[in-house]
Amino acid sequence: MIKKTTKDSITTAMIEEQTAAFLKAGGTVEYVVKGTSGQVTPTGSKQIDLKSGR
């Protein structure tokens, strides 16, 4: 018999519990303005120059 693995569904209560535990442990929530990325942009160009031979 083959066991089918199922992914546990996350409930609102679970998210609330995890958020409360995170804040209680000293975590902070940072507000990010709509349309702004939360990712830090690395410095330097990511463009590849195919003619450079590298």
PDB file of N, CA and C in Angstrom:
ATOM      1  N   MET A   1       0.834  -1.175   0.000  1.00  0.00           N
ATOM      2  CA  MET A   1       0.000   0.000   0.000  1.00  0.00           C
ATOM      3  C   MET A   1       0.884   1.247   0.000  1.00  0.00           C
ATOM      4  N   ILE A   2       0.591   2.168  -0.863  1.00  0.00           N
ATOM      5  CA  ILE A   2       1.383   3.392  -0.986  1.00  0.00           C
ATOM      6  C   ILE A   2       0.742   4.487  -0.141  1.00  0.00           C
ATOM      7  N   LYS A   3       1.597   5.105   0.700  1.00  0.00           N
ATOM      8  CA  LYS A   3       1.105   6.225   1.501  1.00  0.00           C
ATOM      9  C   LYS A   3       1.213   7.495   0.686  1.00  0.00           C
ATOM     10  N   LYS A   4       0.142   8.227   0.612  1.00  0.00           N
ATOM     11  CA  LYS A   4       0.154   9.496  -0.095  1.00  0.00           C
ATOM     12  C   LYS A   4       0.433  10.598   0.931  1.00  0.00           C
ATOM     13  N   THR A   5       1.516  11.334   0.703  1.00  0.00           N
ATOM     14  CA  THR A   5       1.837  12.408   1.638  1.00  0.00           C
ATOM     15  C   THR A   5       1.032  13.648   1.266  1.00  0.00           C
ATOM     16  N   THR A   6       0.485  14.267   2.270  1.00  0.00           N
ATOM     17  CA  THR A   6      -0.270  15.485   2.043  1.00  0.00           C
ATOM     18  C   THR A   6       0.380  16.620   2.805  1.00  0.00           C
ATOM     19  N   LYS A   7       0.332  17.779   2.238  1.00  0.00           N
ATOM     20  CA  LYS A   7       0.897  18.955   2.864  1.00  0.00           C
ATOM     21  C   LYS A   7      -0.117  19.473   3.890  1.00  0.00           C
ATOM     22  N   ASP A   8       0.368  19.774   5.093  1.00  0.00           N
ATOM     23  CA  ASP A   8      -0.524  20.323   6.109  1.00  0.00           C
ATOM     24  C   ASP A   8      -1.001  21.702   5.672  1.00  0.00           C
ATOM     25  N   SER A   9      -2.281  21.948   5.848  1.00  0.00           N
ATOM     26  CA  SER A   9      -2.790  23.266   5.499  1.00  0.00           C
ATOM     27  C   SER A   9      -2.544  24.215   6.666  1.00  0.00           C
ATOM     28  N   ILE A  10      -2.149  25.414   6.344  1.00  0.00           N
ATOM     29  CA  ILE A  10      -1.868  26.432   7.360  1.00  0.00           C
ATOM     30  C   ILE A  10      -3.154  27.186   7.643  1.00  0.00           C
ATOM     31  N   THR A  11      -3.481  27.298   8.907  1.00  0.00           N
ATOM     32  CA  THR A  11      -4.701  27.998   9.289  1.00  0.00           C
ATOM     33  C   THR A  11      -4.365  29.387   9.811  1.00  0.00           C
ATOM     34  N   THR A  12      -5.359  30.220   9.887  1.00  0.00           N
ATOM     35  CA  THR A  12      -5.182  31.576  10.407  1.00  0.00           C
ATOM     36  C   THR A  12      -4.701  31.526  11.850  1.00  0.00           C
ATOM     37  N   ALA A  13      -5.215  30.581  12.616  1.00  0.00           N
ATOM     38  CA  ALA A  13      -4.811  30.449  14.018  1.00  0.00           C
ATOM     39  C   ALA A  13      -3.327  30.122  14.119  1.00  0.00           C
ATOM     40  N   MET A  14      -2.823  29.265  13.216  1.00  0.00           N
ATOM     41  CA  MET A  14      -1.403  28.911  13.230  1.00  0.00           C
ATOM     42  C   MET A  14      -0.539  30.130  12.921  1.00  0.00           C
ATOM     43  N   ILE A  15      -0.960  30.938  11.957  1.00  0.00           N
ATOM     44  CA  ILE A  15      -0.207  32.139  11.598  1.00  0.00           C
ATOM     45  C   ILE A  15      -0.197  33.113  12.769  1.00  0.00           C
ATOM     46  N   GLU A  16      -1.344  33.272  13.425  1.00  0.00           N
ATOM     47  CA  GLU A  16      -1.427  34.170  14.570  1.00  0.00           C
ATOM     48  C   GLU A  16      -0.532  33.703  15.713  1.00  0.00           C
ATOM     49  N   GLU A  17      -0.491  32.393  15.950  1.00  0.00           N
ATOM     50  CA  GLU A  17       0.369  31.837  17.007  1.00  0.00           C
ATOM     51  C   GLU A  17       1.845  32.069  16.684  1.00  0.00           C
ATOM     52  N   GLN A  18       2.219  31.811  15.438  1.00  0.00           N
ATOM     53  CA  GLN A  18       3.610  31.994  15.030  1.00  0.00           C
ATOM     54  C   GLN A  18       4.017  33.464  15.093  1.00  0.00           C
ATOM     55  N   THR A  19       3.112  34.357  14.702  1.00  0.00           N
ATOM     56  CA  THR A  19       3.399  35.793  14.753  1.00  0.00           C
ATOM     57  C   THR A  19       3.565  36.244  16.194  1.00  0.00           C
ATOM     58  N   ALA A  20       2.684  35.788  17.074  1.00  0.00           N
ATOM     59  CA  ALA A  20       2.774  36.151  18.490  1.00  0.00           C
ATOM     60  C   ALA A  20       4.083  35.654  19.098  1.00  0.00           C
ATOM     61  N   ALA A  21       4.496  34.437  18.763  1.00  0.00           N
ATOM     62  CA  ALA A  21       5.750  33.879  19.276  1.00  0.00           C
ATOM     63  C   ALA A  21       6.940  34.667  18.747  1.00  0.00           C
ATOM     64  N   PHE A  22       6.896  35.074  17.492  1.00  0.00           N
ATOM     65  CA  PHE A  22       7.964  35.861  16.876  1.00  0.00           C
ATOM     66  C   PHE A  22       8.108  37.211  17.575  1.00  0.00           C
ATOM     67  N   LEU A  23       6.987  37.883  17.815  1.00  0.00           N
ATOM     68  CA  LEU A  23       7.023  39.188  18.478  1.00  0.00           C
ATOM     69  C   LEU A  23       7.458  39.065  19.938  1.00  0.00           C
ATOM     70  N   LYS A  24       7.004  38.011  20.608  1.00  0.00           N
ATOM     71  CA  LYS A  24       7.370  37.792  22.006  1.00  0.00           C
ATOM     72  C   LYS A  24       8.868  37.535  22.147  1.00  0.00           C
ATOM     73  N   ALA A  25       9.463  36.907  21.133  1.00  0.00           N
ATOM     74  CA  ALA A  25      10.896  36.600  21.156  1.00  0.00           C
ATOM     75  C   ALA A  25      11.745  37.816  20.788  1.00  0.00           C
ATOM     76  N   GLY A  26      11.098  38.943  20.550  1.00  0.00           N
ATOM     77  CA  GLY A  26      11.844  40.166  20.250  1.00  0.00           C
ATOM     78  C   GLY A  26      11.888  40.527  18.782  1.00  0.00           C
ATOM     79  N   GLY A  27      11.183  39.795  17.956  1.00  0.00           N
ATOM     80  CA  GLY A  27      11.150  40.101  16.531  1.00  0.00           C
ATOM     81  C   GLY A  27      10.359  41.372  16.272  1.00  0.00           C
ATOM     82  N   THR A  28      10.654  42.016  15.178  1.00  0.00           N
ATOM     83  CA  THR A  28       9.926  43.236  14.831  1.00  0.00           C
ATOM     84  C   THR A  28       9.353  43.105  13.426  1.00  0.00           C
ATOM     85  N   VAL A  29       8.306  43.853  13.187  1.00  0.00           N
ATOM     86  CA  VAL A  29       7.664  43.874  11.889  1.00  0.00           C
ATOM     87  C   VAL A  29       7.940  45.239  11.275  1.00  0.00           C
ATOM     88  N   GLU A  30       8.443  45.237  10.057  1.00  0.00           N
ATOM     89  CA  GLU A  30       8.768  46.487   9.371  1.00  0.00           C
ATOM     90  C   GLU A  30       7.735  46.734   8.284  1.00  0.00           C
ATOM     91  N   TYR A  31       7.176  47.929   8.273  1.00  0.00           N
ATOM     92  CA  TYR A  31       6.187  48.293   7.272  1.00  0.00           C
ATOM     93  C   TYR A  31       6.902  48.689   5.987  1.00  0.00           C
ATOM     94  N   VAL A  32       6.493  48.096   4.883  1.00  0.00           N
ATOM     95  CA  VAL A  32       7.064  48.424   3.583  1.00  0.00           C
ATOM     96  C   VAL A  32       5.969  49.072   2.752  1.00  0.00           C
ATOM     97  N   VAL A  33       6.257  50.257   2.220  1.00  0.00           N
ATOM     98  CA  VAL A  33       5.288  51.009   1.440  1.00  0.00           C
ATOM     99  C   VAL A  33       4.911  50.219   0.188  1.00  0.00           C
ATOM    100  N   LYS A  34       3.642  50.284  -0.177  1.00  0.00           N
ATOM    101  CA  LYS A  34       3.153  49.576  -1.351  1.00  0.00           C
ATOM    102  C   LYS A  34       3.960  49.995  -2.579  1.00  0.00           C
ATOM    103  N   GLY A  35       4.385  49.019  -3.362  1.00  0.00           N
ATOM    104  CA  GLY A  35       5.152  49.286  -4.565  1.00  0.00           C
ATOM    105  C   GLY A  35       6.651  49.279  -4.338  1.00  0.00           C
ATOM    106  N   THR A  36       7.079  49.107  -3.081  1.00  0.00           N
ATOM    107  CA  THR A  36       8.495  49.071  -2.751  1.00  0.00           C
ATOM    108  C   THR A  36       8.892  47.635  -2.480  1.00  0.00           C
ATOM    109  N   SER A  37      10.036  47.226  -2.995  1.00  0.00           N
ATOM    110  CA  SER A  37      10.516  45.872  -2.765  1.00  0.00           C
ATOM    111  C   SER A  37      11.195  45.800  -1.405  1.00  0.00           C
ATOM    112  N   GLY A  38      11.021  44.697  -0.724  1.00  0.00           N
ATOM    113  CA  GLY A  38      11.699  44.482   0.547  1.00  0.00           C
ATOM    114  C   GLY A  38      13.100  43.922   0.363  1.00  0.00           C
ATOM    115  N   GLN A  39      13.454  43.619  -0.878  1.00  0.00           N
ATOM    116  CA  GLN A  39      14.766  43.054  -1.149  1.00  0.00           C
ATOM    117  C   GLN A  39      15.816  44.148  -1.230  1.00  0.00           C
ATOM    118  N   VAL A  40      17.006  43.826  -0.743  1.00  0.00           N
ATOM    119  CA  VAL A  40      18.123  44.750  -0.827  1.00  0.00           C
ATOM    120  C   VAL A  40      18.792  44.551  -2.180  1.00  0.00           C
ATOM    121  N   THR A  41      19.003  45.640  -2.899  1.00  0.00           N
ATOM    122  CA  THR A  41      19.622  45.561  -4.215  1.00  0.00           C
ATOM    123  C   THR A  41      21.135  45.486  -4.072  1.00  0.00           C
ATOM    124  N   PRO A  42      21.762  44.447  -4.615  1.00  0.00           N
ATOM    125  CA  PRO A  42      23.214  44.362  -4.539  1.00  0.00           C
ATOM    126  C   PRO A  42      23.856  45.413  -5.446  1.00  0.00           C
ATOM    127  N   THR A  43      25.053  45.835  -5.083  1.00  0.00           N
ATOM    128  CA  THR A  43      25.739  46.830  -5.897  1.00  0.00           C
ATOM    129  C   THR A  43      26.384  46.163  -7.100  1.00  0.00           C
ATOM    130  N   GLY A  44      26.543  46.897  -8.135  1.00  0.00           N
ATOM    131  CA  GLY A  44      27.176  46.367  -9.335  1.00  0.00           C
ATOM    132  C   GLY A  44      26.163  45.942 -10.369  1.00  0.00           C
ATOM    133  N   SER A  45      26.636  45.793 -11.581  1.00  0.00           N
ATOM    134  CA  SER A  45      25.786  45.433 -12.702  1.00  0.00           C
ATOM    135  C   SER A  45      25.693  43.916 -12.838  1.00  0.00           C
ATOM    136  N   LYS A  46      24.532  43.463 -13.234  1.00  0.00           N
ATOM    137  CA  LYS A  46      24.340  42.035 -13.477  1.00  0.00           C
ATOM    138  C   LYS A  46      24.351  41.742 -14.976  1.00  0.00           C
ATOM    139  N   GLN A  47      24.632  42.757 -15.778  1.00  0.00           N
ATOM    140  CA  GLN A  47      24.635  42.551 -17.219  1.00  0.00           C
ATOM    141  C   GLN A  47      25.853  41.739 -17.622  1.00  0.00           C
ATOM    142  N   ILE A  48      25.675  40.885 -18.595  1.00  0.00           N
ATOM    143  CA  ILE A  48      26.758  40.045 -19.087  1.00  0.00           C
ATOM    144  C   ILE A  48      27.182  40.577 -20.460  1.00  0.00           C
ATOM    145  N   ASP A  49      28.478  40.791 -20.620  1.00  0.00           N
ATOM    146  CA  ASP A  49      29.001  41.239 -21.895  1.00  0.00           C
ATOM    147  C   ASP A  49      29.570  40.035 -22.623  1.00  0.00           C
ATOM    148  N   LEU A  50      28.857  39.574 -23.647  1.00  0.00           N
ATOM    149  CA  LEU A  50      29.275  38.370 -24.373  1.00  0.00           C
ATOM    150  C   LEU A  50      30.505  38.613 -25.238  1.00  0.00           C
ATOM    151  N   LYS A  51      30.778  39.864 -25.551  1.00  0.00           N
ATOM    152  CA  LYS A  51      31.918  40.194 -26.407  1.00  0.00           C
ATOM    153  C   LYS A  51      33.236  40.267 -25.640  1.00  0.00           C
ATOM    154  N   SER A  52      33.182  40.308 -24.307  1.00  0.00           N
ATOM    155  CA  SER A  52      34.398  40.476 -23.514  1.00  0.00           C
ATOM    156  C   SER A  52      35.245  39.209 -23.463  1.00  0.00           C
ATOM    157  N   GLY A  53      34.669  38.041 -23.746  1.00  0.00           N
ATOM    158  CA  GLY A  53      35.415  36.797 -23.780  1.00  0.00           C
ATOM    159  C   GLY A  53      35.606  36.154 -22.414  1.00  0.00           C
ATOM    160  N   ARG A  54      34.971  36.640 -21.406  1.00  0.00           N
ATOM    161  CA  ARG A  54      35.084  36.063 -20.057  1.00  0.00           C
ATOM    162  C   ARG A  54      34.041  35.041 -19.787  1.00  0.00           C
TER     163      ARG A  54
END
